[in-house]
Structures are given as structure tokens and as C-alpha cells.
Amino acid sequence: QVQLVESGGGLAQPGGFLRLSCAASGSIFSINAMGWYRQAPGKQRELVAVITSGGSTNYADSVKGRFTISRDNAKNTVYLQMNSLKPEDTAVYYCSAHVLTTTLRNDNYWGQGTQVTVSS
């Protein structure tokens, strides 16, 4: 079993910042890509940012230049630094990790989600 636990969501003002963290634990042999997705009310879940084990990153156009994804491989943790927040960034943010387990099974795992609200 693999668990992803997110933290760091909350309320921020427009132009403000938040930092999300997601720690993976359990029967992990290695983790390939880790990423952040978000889902706003009435909308589909969308990719925000993804980072490979080697550090290559990819961002949604809507967050480029404002959000930064990073990871600490030793801690199996991924971060999302969100700056210059906008009301349209309001959503539930989900962490995702593509894990090779100790039983040599490849699977994608999700966190429980953390609410980010941007409002004055």
C-alpha cells in the first residue's frame, strides 16, 4: 500500500502565495513522476504541474511563471509553490505519484485533496 498525504492548502488573497506539500509513504521501491492536479467546482480535473524523478518539469499554461513544482527524492515528497495567486486558482488540489512498489507493481496513486481558496 502507498499513501499520499497533502498539506498546505487554505485561504489566500489575490496576489498572495501558498505552498503545498505531498509526502508519499508505504511500500515504495521508487517513484517516477509526481504531480499536482486541481479540480474546480463544475469542472474536470486538470494537470497543474508534473516533475520526473530526474527533475524535468511541465506546467499548465495557466500557471507558468507563477507556480513552481519541486521534489525531495530522499523524502518522497513533492511541493508546489504557488505565487501571484488568482481567484481562478481556487480548486481542490490533488497530489499524484507514479510508484513502483516493493512488489514490483507500477501504479498511480492519489492524495485525498487539499482545498485552495483565493479570495479577498
PDB file of N, CA and C in Angstrom:
ATOM      1  N   GLN A   1       0.827  -1.201   0.000  1.00  0.00           N
ATOM      2  CA  GLN A   1       0.000   0.000   0.000  1.00  0.00           C
ATOM      3  C   GLN A   1       0.859   1.247   0.000  1.00  0.00           C
ATOM      4  N   VAL A   2       0.382   2.241  -0.712  1.00  0.00           N
ATOM      5  CA  VAL A   2       1.067   3.527  -0.788  1.00  0.00           C
ATOM      6  C   VAL A   2       0.077   4.622  -0.401  1.00  0.00           C
ATOM      7  N   GLN A   3       0.519   5.541   0.418  1.00  0.00           N
ATOM      8  CA  GLN A   3      -0.330   6.656   0.832  1.00  0.00           C
ATOM      9  C   GLN A   3       0.339   7.974   0.439  1.00  0.00           C
ATOM     10  N   LEU A   4      -0.488   8.903  -0.001  1.00  0.00           N
ATOM     11  CA  LEU A   4      -0.041  10.262  -0.289  1.00  0.00           C
ATOM     12  C   LEU A   4      -0.799  11.202   0.639  1.00  0.00           C
ATOM     13  N   VAL A   5      -0.078  12.000   1.378  1.00  0.00           N
ATOM     14  CA  VAL A   5      -0.702  12.928   2.327  1.00  0.00           C
ATOM     15  C   VAL A   5      -0.310  14.344   1.960  1.00  0.00           C
ATOM     16  N   GLU A   6      -1.320  15.149   1.656  1.00  0.00           N
ATOM     17  CA  GLU A   6      -1.102  16.544   1.263  1.00  0.00           C
ATOM     18  C   GLU A   6      -1.284  17.470   2.447  1.00  0.00           C
ATOM     19  N   SER A   7      -0.629  18.614   2.364  1.00  0.00           N
ATOM     20  CA  SER A   7      -0.805  19.659   3.367  1.00  0.00           C
ATOM     21  C   SER A   7      -0.494  21.011   2.732  1.00  0.00           C
ATOM     22  N   GLY A   8      -0.935  22.070   3.402  1.00  0.00           N
ATOM     23  CA  GLY A   8      -0.569  23.410   2.963  1.00  0.00           C
ATOM     24  C   GLY A   8      -1.649  24.198   2.275  1.00  0.00           C
ATOM     25  N   GLY A   9      -2.809  23.626   2.066  1.00  0.00           N
ATOM     26  CA  GLY A   9      -3.884  24.386   1.437  1.00  0.00           C
ATOM     27  C   GLY A   9      -4.463  25.401   2.402  1.00  0.00           C
ATOM     28  N   GLY A  10      -5.397  26.177   1.904  1.00  0.00           N
ATOM     29  CA  GLY A  10      -6.038  27.176   2.755  1.00  0.00           C
ATOM     30  C   GLY A  10      -6.542  28.356   1.961  1.00  0.00           C
ATOM     31  N   LEU A  11      -6.690  29.466   2.656  1.00  0.00           N
ATOM     32  CA  LEU A  11      -7.219  30.699   2.066  1.00  0.00           C
ATOM     33  C   LEU A  11      -6.088  31.687   1.824  1.00  0.00           C
ATOM     34  N   ALA A  12      -6.064  32.260   0.637  1.00  0.00           N
ATOM     35  CA  ALA A  12      -5.077  33.279   0.309  1.00  0.00           C
ATOM     36  C   ALA A  12      -5.766  34.416  -0.427  1.00  0.00           C
ATOM     37  N   GLN A  13      -5.195  35.597  -0.323  1.00  0.00           N
ATOM     38  CA  GLN A  13      -5.725  36.749  -1.052  1.00  0.00           C
ATOM     39  C   GLN A  13      -5.179  36.763  -2.477  1.00  0.00           C
ATOM     40  N   PRO A  14      -5.878  37.368  -3.389  1.00  0.00           N
ATOM     41  CA  PRO A  14      -5.321  37.535  -4.735  1.00  0.00           C
ATOM     42  C   PRO A  14      -3.953  38.208  -4.674  1.00  0.00           C
ATOM     43  N   GLY A  15      -3.002  37.656  -5.413  1.00  0.00           N
ATOM     44  CA  GLY A  15      -1.635  38.150  -5.366  1.00  0.00           C
ATOM     45  C   GLY A  15      -0.797  37.496  -4.298  1.00  0.00           C
ATOM     46  N   GLY A  16      -1.423  36.720  -3.444  1.00  0.00           N
ATOM     47  CA  GLY A  16      -0.726  36.055  -2.354  1.00  0.00           C
ATOM     48  C   GLY A  16      -0.074  34.756  -2.780  1.00  0.00           C
ATOM     49  N   PHE A  17       0.344  33.980  -1.771  1.00  0.00           N
ATOM     50  CA  PHE A  17       1.039  32.739  -2.070  1.00  0.00           C
ATOM     51  C   PHE A  17       0.656  31.662  -1.070  1.00  0.00           C
ATOM     52  N   LEU A  18       0.827  30.432  -1.521  1.00  0.00           N
ATOM     53  CA  LEU A  18       0.667  29.243  -0.689  1.00  0.00           C
ATOM     54  C   LEU A  18       1.689  28.217  -1.149  1.00  0.00           C
ATOM     55  N   ARG A  19       2.039  27.308  -0.260  1.00  0.00           N
ATOM     56  CA  ARG A  19       2.943  26.209  -0.612  1.00  0.00           C
ATOM     57  C   ARG A  19       2.301  24.899  -0.202  1.00  0.00           C
ATOM     58  N   LEU A  20       2.112  24.028  -1.173  1.00  0.00           N
ATOM     59  CA  LEU A  20       1.553  22.708  -0.917  1.00  0.00           C
ATOM     60  C   LEU A  20       2.674  21.681  -0.817  1.00  0.00           C
ATOM     61  N   SER A  21       2.453  20.694   0.043  1.00  0.00           N
ATOM     62  CA  SER A  21       3.393  19.580   0.181  1.00  0.00           C
ATOM     63  C   SER A  21       2.627  18.274   0.060  1.00  0.00           C
ATOM     64  N   CYS A  22       3.296  17.255  -0.431  1.00  0.00           N
ATOM     65  CA  CYS A  22       2.685  15.929  -0.534  1.00  0.00           C
ATOM     66  C   CYS A  22       3.765  14.894  -0.259  1.00  0.00           C
ATOM     67  N   ALA A  23       3.563  14.117   0.798  1.00  0.00           N
ATOM     68  CA  ALA A  23       4.521  13.096   1.176  1.00  0.00           C
ATOM     69  C   ALA A  23       3.966  11.710   0.873  1.00  0.00           C
ATOM     70  N   ALA A  24       4.760  10.916   0.183  1.00  0.00           N
ATOM     71  CA  ALA A  24       4.381   9.534  -0.137  1.00  0.00           C
ATOM     72  C   ALA A  24       5.045   8.582   0.846  1.00  0.00           C
ATOM     73  N   SER A  25       4.296   7.576   1.247  1.00  0.00           N
ATOM     74  CA  SER A  25       4.847   6.585   2.181  1.00  0.00           C
ATOM     75  C   SER A  25       4.229   5.221   1.894  1.00  0.00           C
ATOM     76  N   GLY A  26       4.852   4.194   2.442  1.00  0.00           N
ATOM     77  CA  GLY A  26       4.336   2.841   2.260  1.00  0.00           C
ATOM     78  C   GLY A  26       5.317   1.963   1.516  1.00  0.00           C
ATOM     79  N   SER A  27       4.781   1.053   0.726  1.00  0.00           N
ATOM     80  CA  SER A  27       5.587   0.033   0.034  1.00  0.00           C
ATOM     81  C   SER A  27       6.168   0.574  -1.271  1.00  0.00           C
ATOM     82  N   ILE A  28       7.082   1.524  -1.109  1.00  0.00           N
ATOM     83  CA  ILE A  28       7.647   2.227  -2.259  1.00  0.00           C
ATOM     84  C   ILE A  28       9.035   1.700  -2.578  1.00  0.00           C
ATOM     85  N   PHE A  29       9.224   1.272  -3.835  1.00  0.00           N
ATOM     86  CA  PHE A  29      10.552   0.934  -4.299  1.00  0.00           C
ATOM     87  C   PHE A  29      11.181   2.158  -4.959  1.00  0.00           C
ATOM     88  N   SER A  30      10.403   2.791  -5.822  1.00  0.00           N
ATOM     89  CA  SER A  30      10.849   4.031  -6.446  1.00  0.00           C
ATOM     90  C   SER A  30       9.625   4.796  -6.942  1.00  0.00           C
ATOM     91  N   ILE A  31       9.825   6.098  -7.151  1.00  0.00           N
ATOM     92  CA  ILE A  31       8.755   6.947  -7.663  1.00  0.00           C
ATOM     93  C   ILE A  31       9.248   7.608  -8.937  1.00  0.00           C
ATOM     94  N   ASN A  32       8.481   7.497  -9.995  1.00  0.00           N
ATOM     95  CA  ASN A  32       8.820   8.165 -11.242  1.00  0.00           C
ATOM     96  C   ASN A  32       8.248   9.568 -11.196  1.00  0.00           C
ATOM     97  N   ALA A  33       7.213   9.831 -11.940  1.00  0.00           N
ATOM     98  CA  ALA A  33       6.654  11.182 -11.977  1.00  0.00           C
ATOM     99  C   ALA A  33       5.792  11.454 -10.744  1.00  0.00           C
ATOM    100  N   MET A  34       5.850  12.682 -10.289  1.00  0.00           N
ATOM    101  CA  MET A  34       4.943  13.193  -9.257  1.00  0.00           C
ATOM    102  C   MET A  34       4.325  14.470  -9.799  1.00  0.00           C
ATOM    103  N   GLY A  35       3.092  14.706  -9.415  1.00  0.00           N
ATOM    104  CA  GLY A  35       2.445  15.877  -9.983  1.00  0.00           C
ATOM    105  C   GLY A  35       1.325  16.417  -9.129  1.00  0.00           C
ATOM    106  N   TRP A  36       0.843  17.553  -9.551  1.00  0.00           N
ATOM    107  CA  TRP A  36      -0.304  18.212  -8.919  1.00  0.00           C
ATOM    108  C   TRP A  36      -1.385  18.429  -9.961  1.00  0.00           C
ATOM    109  N   TYR A  37      -2.592  18.120  -9.570  1.00  0.00           N
ATOM    110  CA  TYR A  37      -3.764  18.354 -10.385  1.00  0.00           C
ATOM    111  C   TYR A  37      -4.732  19.187  -9.551  1.00  0.00           C
ATOM    112  N   ARG A  38      -5.710  19.770 -10.222  1.00  0.00           N
ATOM    113  CA  ARG A  38      -6.731  20.516  -9.482  1.00  0.00           C
ATOM    114  C   ARG A  38      -8.089  20.348 -10.134  1.00  0.00           C
ATOM    115  N   GLN A  39      -9.106  20.499  -9.318  1.00  0.00           N
ATOM    116  CA  GLN A  39     -10.474  20.398  -9.806  1.00  0.00           C
ATOM    117  C   GLN A  39     -11.309  21.480  -9.158  1.00  0.00           C
ATOM    118  N   ALA A  40     -11.801  22.379  -9.982  1.00  0.00           N
ATOM    119  CA  ALA A  40     -12.690  23.435  -9.518  1.00  0.00           C
ATOM    120  C   ALA A  40     -14.135  22.942  -9.609  1.00  0.00           C
ATOM    121  N   PRO A  41     -15.040  23.557  -8.844  1.00  0.00           N
ATOM    122  CA  PRO A  41     -16.444  23.131  -8.875  1.00  0.00           C
ATOM    123  C   PRO A  41     -17.016  23.170 -10.291  1.00  0.00           C
ATOM    124  N   GLY A  42     -17.634  22.084 -10.695  1.00  0.00           N
ATOM    125  CA  GLY A  42     -18.253  22.016 -12.002  1.00  0.00           C
ATOM    126  C   GLY A  42     -17.301  21.817 -13.163  1.00  0.00           C
ATOM    127  N   LYS A  43     -16.017  21.624 -12.851  1.00  0.00           N
ATOM    128  CA  LYS A  43     -15.024  21.449 -13.922  1.00  0.00           C
ATOM    129  C   LYS A  43     -14.316  20.105 -13.775  1.00  0.00           C
ATOM    130  N   GLN A  44     -13.671  19.688 -14.861  1.00  0.00           N
ATOM    131  CA  GLN A  44     -12.906  18.450 -14.820  1.00  0.00           C
ATOM    132  C   GLN A  44     -11.563  18.670 -14.124  1.00  0.00           C
ATOM    133  N   ARG A  45     -11.021  17.593 -13.617  1.00  0.00           N
ATOM    134  CA  ARG A  45      -9.693  17.660 -13.018  1.00  0.00           C
ATOM    135  C   ARG A  45      -8.678  17.961 -14.111  1.00  0.00           C
ATOM    136  N   GLU A  46      -7.743  18.860 -13.815  1.00  0.00           N
ATOM    137  CA  GLU A  46      -6.752  19.250 -14.815  1.00  0.00           C
ATOM    138  C   GLU A  46      -5.348  19.197 -14.232  1.00  0.00           C
ATOM    139  N   LEU A  47      -4.386  18.958 -15.111  1.00  0.00           N
ATOM    140  CA  LEU A  47      -2.993  18.950 -14.697  1.00  0.00           C
ATOM    141  C   LEU A  47      -2.531  20.365 -14.378  1.00  0.00           C
ATOM    142  N   VAL A  48      -1.837  20.506 -13.262  1.00  0.00           N
ATOM    143  CA  VAL A  48      -1.233  21.787 -12.900  1.00  0.00           C
ATOM    144  C   VAL A  48       0.253  21.758 -13.222  1.00  0.00           C
ATOM    145  N   ALA A  49       0.940  20.744 -12.694  1.00  0.00           N
ATOM    146  CA  ALA A  49       2.378  20.636 -12.912  1.00  0.00           C
ATOM    147  C   ALA A  49       2.817  19.210 -12.620  1.00  0.00           C
ATOM    148  N   VAL A  50       3.893  18.800 -13.284  1.00  0.00           N
ATOM    149  CA  VAL A  50       4.420  17.464 -13.078  1.00  0.00           C
ATOM    150  C   VAL A  50       5.941  17.537 -13.074  1.00  0.00           C
ATOM    151  N   ILE A  51       6.562  16.640 -12.319  1.00  0.00           N
ATOM    152  CA  ILE A  51       8.021  16.597 -12.252  1.00  0.00           C
ATOM    153  C   ILE A  51       8.468  15.134 -12.250  1.00  0.00           C
ATOM    154  N   THR A  52       9.483  14.831 -13.064  1.00  0.00           N
ATOM    155  CA  THR A  52      10.010  13.474 -13.123  1.00  0.00           C
ATOM    156  C   THR A  52      11.048  13.257 -12.020  1.00  0.00           C
ATOM    157  N   SER A  53      11.467  12.031 -11.867  1.00  0.00           N
ATOM    158  CA  SER A  53      12.486  11.728 -10.857  1.00  0.00           C
ATOM    159  C   SER A  53      13.800  12.426 -11.172  1.00  0.00           C
ATOM    160  N   GLY A  54      14.007  12.740 -12.440  1.00  0.00           N
ATOM    161  CA  GLY A  54      15.224  13.441 -12.832  1.00  0.00           C
ATOM    162  C   GLY A  54      15.128  14.944 -12.743  1.00  0.00           C
ATOM    163  N   GLY A  55      13.932  15.445 -12.413  1.00  0.00           N
ATOM    164  CA  GLY A  55      13.768  16.881 -12.221  1.00  0.00           C
ATOM    165  C   GLY A  55      13.184  17.632 -13.401  1.00  0.00           C
ATOM    166  N   SER A  56      12.840  16.948 -14.473  1.00  0.00           N
ATOM    167  CA  SER A  56      12.180  17.629 -15.592  1.00  0.00           C
ATOM    168  C   SER A  56      10.761  18.011 -15.198  1.00  0.00           C
ATOM    169  N   THR A  57      10.354  19.202 -15.614  1.00  0.00           N
ATOM    170  CA  THR A  57       9.052  19.715 -15.202  1.00  0.00           C
ATOM    171  C   THR A  57       8.198  20.108 -16.395  1.00  0.00           C
ATOM    172  N   ASN A  58       6.899  20.134 -16.151  1.00  0.00           N
ATOM    173  CA  ASN A  58       5.945  20.581 -17.152  1.00  0.00           C
ATOM    174  C   ASN A  58       4.809  21.271 -16.416  1.00  0.00           C
ATOM    175  N   TYR A  59       4.335  22.384 -16.978  1.00  0.00           N
ATOM    176  CA  TYR A  59       3.304  23.179 -16.319  1.00  0.00           C
ATOM    177  C   TYR A  59       2.131  23.446 -17.255  1.00  0.00           C
ATOM    178  N   ALA A  60       0.960  23.598 -16.669  1.00  0.00           N
ATOM    179  CA  ALA A  60      -0.172  24.107 -17.420  1.00  0.00           C
ATOM    180  C   ALA A  60       0.122  25.558 -17.793  1.00  0.00           C
ATOM    181  N   ASP A  61      -0.345  25.961 -18.961  1.00  0.00           N
ATOM    182  CA  ASP A  61      -0.096  27.340 -19.409  1.00  0.00           C
ATOM    183  C   ASP A  61      -0.620  28.361 -18.401  1.00  0.00           C
ATOM    184  N   SER A  62      -1.709  28.022 -17.744  1.00  0.00           N
ATOM    185  CA  SER A  62      -2.353  28.980 -16.846  1.00  0.00           C
ATOM    186  C   SER A  62      -1.532  29.280 -15.587  1.00  0.00           C
ATOM    187  N   VAL A  63      -0.540  28.436 -15.283  1.00  0.00           N
ATOM    188  CA  VAL A  63       0.242  28.647 -14.058  1.00  0.00           C
ATOM    189  C   VAL A  63       1.720  28.922 -14.338  1.00  0.00           C
ATOM    190  N   LYS A  64       2.115  28.857 -15.591  1.00  0.00           N
ATOM    191  CA  LYS A  64       3.530  29.088 -15.921  1.00  0.00           C
ATOM    192  C   LYS A  64       3.975  30.467 -15.444  1.00  0.00           C
ATOM    193  N   GLY A  65       5.132  30.500 -14.817  1.00  0.00           N
ATOM    194  CA  GLY A  65       5.674  31.749 -14.310  1.00  0.00           C
ATOM    195  C   GLY A  65       5.164  32.126 -12.931  1.00  0.00           C
ATOM    196  N   ARG A  66       4.150  31.415 -12.436  1.00  0.00           N
ATOM    197  CA  ARG A  66       3.593  31.715 -11.110  1.00  0.00           C
ATOM    198  C   ARG A  66       3.794  30.563 -10.133  1.00  0.00           C
ATOM    199  N   PHE A  67       3.693  29.327 -10.638  1.00  0.00           N
ATOM    200  CA  PHE A  67       3.810  28.138  -9.792  1.00  0.00           C
ATOM    201  C   PHE A  67       5.139  27.450 -10.082  1.00  0.00           C
ATOM    202  N   THR A  68       5.700  26.839  -9.040  1.00  0.00           N
ATOM    203  CA  THR A  68       6.930  26.071  -9.191  1.00  0.00           C
ATOM    204  C   THR A  68       6.774  24.729  -8.477  1.00  0.00           C
ATOM    205  N   ILE A  69       7.019  23.656  -9.227  1.00  0.00           N
ATOM    206  CA  ILE A  69       6.976  22.320  -8.642  1.00  0.00           C
ATOM    207  C   ILE A  69       8.402  21.861  -8.350  1.00  0.00           C
ATOM    208  N   SER A  70       8.575  21.180  -7.231  1.00  0.00           N
ATOM    209  CA  SER A  70       9.887  20.642  -6.872  1.00  0.00           C
ATOM    210  C   SER A  70       9.668  19.368  -6.066  1.00  0.00           C
ATOM    211  N   ARG A  71      10.741  18.624  -5.878  1.00  0.00           N
ATOM    212  CA  ARG A  71      10.603  17.396  -5.110  1.00  0.00           C
ATOM    213  C   ARG A  71      11.888  17.089  -4.349  1.00  0.00           C
ATOM    214  N   ASP A  72      11.707  16.340  -3.267  1.00  0.00           N
ATOM    215  CA  ASP A  72      12.833  15.836  -2.481  1.00  0.00           C
ATOM    216  C   ASP A  72      12.753  14.320  -2.563  1.00  0.00           C
ATOM    217  N   ASN A  73      13.588  13.742  -3.397  1.00  0.00           N
ATOM    218  CA  ASN A  73      13.510  12.295  -3.624  1.00  0.00           C
ATOM    219  C   ASN A  73      13.825  11.498  -2.364  1.00  0.00           C
ATOM    220  N   ALA A  74      14.688  12.024  -1.532  1.00  0.00           N
ATOM    221  CA  ALA A  74      15.044  11.311  -0.293  1.00  0.00           C
ATOM    222  C   ALA A  74      13.855  11.223   0.658  1.00  0.00           C
ATOM    223  N   LYS A  75      12.958  12.204   0.557  1.00  0.00           N
ATOM    224  CA  LYS A  75      11.787  12.237   1.443  1.00  0.00           C
ATOM    225  C   LYS A  75      10.510  11.802   0.726  1.00  0.00           C
ATOM    226  N   ASN A  76      10.627  11.420  -0.552  1.00  0.00           N
ATOM    227  CA  ASN A  76       9.438  11.043  -1.340  1.00  0.00           C
ATOM    228  C   ASN A  76       8.358  12.117  -1.253  1.00  0.00           C
ATOM    229  N   THR A  77       8.777  13.353  -1.364  1.00  0.00           N
ATOM    230  CA  THR A  77       7.879  14.488  -1.177  1.00  0.00           C
ATOM    231  C   THR A  77       7.941  15.422  -2.382  1.00  0.00           C
ATOM    232  N   VAL A  78       6.776  15.899  -2.777  1.00  0.00           N
ATOM    233  CA  VAL A  78       6.686  16.876  -3.853  1.00  0.00           C
ATOM    234  C   VAL A  78       6.039  18.139  -3.302  1.00  0.00           C
ATOM    235  N   TYR A  79       6.477  19.272  -3.832  1.00  0.00           N
ATOM    236  CA  TYR A  79       5.999  20.579  -3.379  1.00  0.00           C
ATOM    237  C   TYR A  79       5.433  21.360  -4.548  1.00  0.00           C
ATOM    238  N   LEU A  80       4.527  22.276  -4.223  1.00  0.00           N
ATOM    239  CA  LEU A  80       4.030  23.216  -5.226  1.00  0.00           C
ATOM    240  C   LEU A  80       4.018  24.593  -4.594  1.00  0.00           C
ATOM    241  N   GLN A  81       4.927  25.436  -5.035  1.00  0.00           N
ATOM    242  CA  GLN A  81       4.956  26.822  -4.588  1.00  0.00           C
ATOM    243  C   GLN A  81       4.072  27.629  -5.514  1.00  0.00           C
ATOM    244  N   MET A  82       3.046  28.245  -4.961  1.00  0.00           N
ATOM    245  CA  MET A  82       2.075  28.983  -5.755  1.00  0.00           C
ATOM    246  C   MET A  82       2.166  30.461  -5.396  1.00  0.00           C
ATOM    247  N   ASN A  83       2.618  31.270  -6.333  1.00  0.00           N
ATOM    248  CA  ASN A  83       2.738  32.719  -6.147  1.00  0.00           C
ATOM    249  C   ASN A  83       1.748  33.446  -7.039  1.00  0.00           C
ATOM    250  N   SER A  84       1.555  34.716  -6.762  1.00  0.00           N
ATOM    251  CA  SER A  84       0.660  35.566  -7.569  1.00  0.00           C
ATOM    252  C   SER A  84      -0.676  34.873  -7.799  1.00  0.00           C
ATOM    253  N   LEU A  85      -1.252  34.384  -6.733  1.00  0.00           N
ATOM    254  CA  LEU A  85      -2.486  33.616  -6.839  1.00  0.00           C
ATOM    255  C   LEU A  85      -3.629  34.463  -7.374  1.00  0.00           C
ATOM    256  N   LYS A  86      -4.497  33.800  -8.130  1.00  0.00           N
ATOM    257  CA  LYS A  86      -5.665  34.441  -8.725  1.00  0.00           C
ATOM    258  C   LYS A  86      -6.918  33.710  -8.240  1.00  0.00           C
ATOM    259  N   PRO A  87      -8.059  34.394  -8.253  1.00  0.00           N
ATOM    260  CA  PRO A  87      -9.303  33.713  -7.847  1.00  0.00           C
ATOM    261  C   PRO A  87      -9.562  32.446  -8.664  1.00  0.00           C
ATOM    262  N   GLU A  88      -9.149  32.450  -9.925  1.00  0.00           N
ATOM    263  CA  GLU A  88      -9.383  31.263 -10.755  1.00  0.00           C
ATOM    264  C   GLU A  88      -8.483  30.078 -10.387  1.00  0.00           C
ATOM    265  N   ASP A  89      -7.549  30.274  -9.462  1.00  0.00           N
ATOM    266  CA  ASP A  89      -6.762  29.152  -8.951  1.00  0.00           C
ATOM    267  C   ASP A  89      -7.513  28.385  -7.865  1.00  0.00           C
ATOM    268  N   THR A  90      -8.650  28.899  -7.462  1.00  0.00           N
ATOM    269  CA  THR A  90      -9.449  28.228  -6.443  1.00  0.00           C
ATOM    270  C   THR A  90      -9.895  26.857  -6.926  1.00  0.00           C
ATOM    271  N   ALA A  91      -9.572  25.834  -6.137  1.00  0.00           N
ATOM    272  CA  ALA A  91      -9.877  24.455  -6.522  1.00  0.00           C
ATOM    273  C   ALA A  91      -9.420  23.523  -5.404  1.00  0.00           C
ATOM    274  N   VAL A  92      -9.798  22.270  -5.525  1.00  0.00           N
ATOM    275  CA  VAL A  92      -9.195  21.227  -4.703  1.00  0.00           C
ATOM    276  C   VAL A  92      -7.967  20.724  -5.459  1.00  0.00           C
ATOM    277  N   TYR A  93      -6.839  20.727  -4.785  1.00  0.00           N
ATOM    278  CA  TYR A  93      -5.576  20.316  -5.396  1.00  0.00           C
ATOM    279  C   TYR A  93      -5.239  18.897  -4.942  1.00  0.00           C
ATOM    280  N   TYR A  94      -4.920  18.060  -5.923  1.00  0.00           N
ATOM    281  CA  TYR A  94      -4.609  16.668  -5.664  1.00  0.00           C
ATOM    282  C   TYR A  94      -3.165  16.366  -6.052  1.00  0.00           C
ATOM    283  N   CYS A  95      -2.512  15.614  -5.213  1.00  0.00           N
ATOM    284  CA  CYS A  95      -1.173  15.132  -5.486  1.00  0.00           C
ATOM    285  C   CYS A  95      -1.280  13.765  -6.167  1.00  0.00           C
ATOM    286  N   SER A  96      -0.372  13.504  -7.087  1.00  0.00           N
ATOM    287  CA  SER A  96      -0.339  12.223  -7.778  1.00  0.00           C
ATOM    288  C   SER A  96       1.095  11.725  -7.854  1.00  0.00           C
ATOM    289  N   ALA A  97       1.258  10.408  -7.758  1.00  0.00           N
ATOM    290  CA  ALA A  97       2.598   9.827  -7.864  1.00  0.00           C
ATOM    291  C   ALA A  97       2.520   8.498  -8.600  1.00  0.00           C
ATOM    292  N   HIS A  98       3.447   8.314  -9.540  1.00  0.00           N
ATOM    293  CA  HIS A  98       3.532   7.034 -10.250  1.00  0.00           C
ATOM    294  C   HIS A  98       4.609   6.217  -9.558  1.00  0.00           C
ATOM    295  N   VAL A  99       4.173   5.159  -8.910  1.00  0.00           N
ATOM    296  CA  VAL A  99       5.033   4.428  -7.977  1.00  0.00           C
ATOM    297  C   VAL A  99       5.322   3.018  -8.466  1.00  0.00           C
ATOM    298  N   LEU A 100       6.580   2.615  -8.317  1.00  0.00           N
ATOM    299  CA  LEU A 100       6.944   1.205  -8.448  1.00  0.00           C
ATOM    300  C   LEU A 100       7.019   0.666  -7.012  1.00  0.00           C
ATOM    301  N   THR A 101       6.120  -0.255  -6.679  1.00  0.00           N
ATOM    302  CA  THR A 101       6.064  -0.732  -5.304  1.00  0.00           C
ATOM    303  C   THR A 101       7.137  -1.792  -5.043  1.00  0.00           C
ATOM    304  N   THR A 102       7.256  -2.163  -3.790  1.00  0.00           N
ATOM    305  CA  THR A 102       8.236  -3.184  -3.415  1.00  0.00           C
ATOM    306  C   THR A 102       7.878  -4.557  -3.955  1.00  0.00           C
ATOM    307  N   THR A 103       6.645  -4.711  -4.419  1.00  0.00           N
ATOM    308  CA  THR A 103       6.243  -5.955  -5.088  1.00  0.00           C
ATOM    309  C   THR A 103       6.374  -5.825  -6.599  1.00  0.00           C
ATOM    310  N   LEU A 104       7.065  -4.773  -7.045  1.00  0.00           N
ATOM    311  CA  LEU A 104       7.367  -4.507  -8.450  1.00  0.00           C
ATOM    312  C   LEU A 104       6.112  -4.309  -9.284  1.00  0.00           C
ATOM    313  N   ARG A 105       5.162  -3.610  -8.687  1.00  0.00           N
ATOM    314  CA  ARG A 105       3.934  -3.264  -9.405  1.00  0.00           C
ATOM    315  C   ARG A 105       3.937  -1.765  -9.646  1.00  0.00           C
ATOM    316  N   ASN A 106       3.652  -1.369 -10.899  1.00  0.00           N
ATOM    317  CA  ASN A 106       3.535   0.038 -11.266  1.00  0.00           C
ATOM    318  C   ASN A 106       2.098   0.497 -11.117  1.00  0.00           C
ATOM    319  N   ASP A 107       1.912   1.555 -10.356  1.00  0.00           N
ATOM    320  CA  ASP A 107       0.558   2.064 -10.177  1.00  0.00           C
ATOM    321  C   ASP A 107       0.600   3.562  -9.957  1.00  0.00           C
ATOM    322  N   ASN A 108      -0.514   4.226 -10.245  1.00  0.00           N
ATOM    323  CA  ASN A 108      -0.633   5.646  -9.970  1.00  0.00           C
ATOM    324  C   ASN A 108      -1.486   5.840  -8.722  1.00  0.00           C
ATOM    325  N   TYR A 109      -1.000   6.673  -7.815  1.00  0.00           N
ATOM    326  CA  TYR A 109      -1.688   6.912  -6.558  1.00  0.00           C
ATOM    327  C   TYR A 109      -2.065   8.382  -6.430  1.00  0.00           C
ATOM    328  N   TRP A 110      -3.134   8.612  -5.664  1.00  0.00           N
ATOM    329  CA  TRP A 110      -3.651   9.969  -5.469  1.00  0.00           C
ATOM    330  C   TRP A 110      -3.750  10.299  -3.990  1.00  0.00           C
ATOM    331  N   GLY A 111      -3.543  11.576  -3.693  1.00  0.00           N
ATOM    332  CA  GLY A 111      -3.812  12.060  -2.356  1.00  0.00           C
ATOM    333  C   GLY A 111      -5.283  12.348  -2.176  1.00  0.00           C
ATOM    334  N   GLN A 112      -5.644  12.776  -0.970  1.00  0.00           N
ATOM    335  CA  GLN A 112      -7.057  12.991  -0.650  1.00  0.00           C
ATOM    336  C   GLN A 112      -7.548  14.359  -1.115  1.00  0.00           C
ATOM    337  N   GLY A 113      -6.626  15.227  -1.479  1.00  0.00           N
ATOM    338  CA  GLY A 113      -7.001  16.565  -1.945  1.00  0.00           C
ATOM    339  C   GLY A 113      -6.915  17.592  -0.830  1.00  0.00           C
ATOM    340  N   THR A 114      -6.530  18.796  -1.203  1.00  0.00           N
ATOM    341  CA  THR A 114      -6.483  19.902  -0.244  1.00  0.00           C
ATOM    342  C   THR A 114      -7.089  21.143  -0.903  1.00  0.00           C
ATOM    343  N   GLN A 115      -7.944  21.825  -0.169  1.00  0.00           N
ATOM    344  CA  GLN A 115      -8.671  22.969  -0.736  1.00  0.00           C
ATOM    345  C   GLN A 115      -7.774  24.204  -0.757  1.00  0.00           C
ATOM    346  N   VAL A 116      -7.741  24.866  -1.902  1.00  0.00           N
ATOM    347  CA  VAL A 116      -7.098  26.165  -2.046  1.00  0.00           C
ATOM    348  C   VAL A 116      -8.170  27.157  -2.465  1.00  0.00           C
ATOM    349  N   THR A 117      -8.324  28.210  -1.696  1.00  0.00           N
ATOM    350  CA  THR A 117      -9.313  29.251  -1.998  1.00  0.00           C
ATOM    351  C   THR A 117      -8.598  30.590  -2.084  1.00  0.00           C
ATOM    352  N   VAL A 118      -8.788  31.279  -3.196  1.00  0.00           N
ATOM    353  CA  VAL A 118      -8.180  32.591  -3.400  1.00  0.00           C
ATOM    354  C   VAL A 118      -9.300  33.617  -3.461  1.00  0.00           C
ATOM    355  N   SER A 119      -9.347  34.445  -2.449  1.00  0.00           N
ATOM    356  CA  SER A 119     -10.447  35.401  -2.344  1.00  0.00           C
ATOM    357  C   SER A 119     -10.030  36.552  -1.454  1.00  0.00           C
ATOM    358  N   SER A 120     -10.577  37.726  -1.742  1.00  0.00           N
ATOM    359  CA  SER A 120     -10.325  38.877  -0.885  1.00  0.00           C
ATOM    360  C   SER A 120     -11.432  39.012   0.149  1.00  0.00           C
TER     361      SER A 120
END
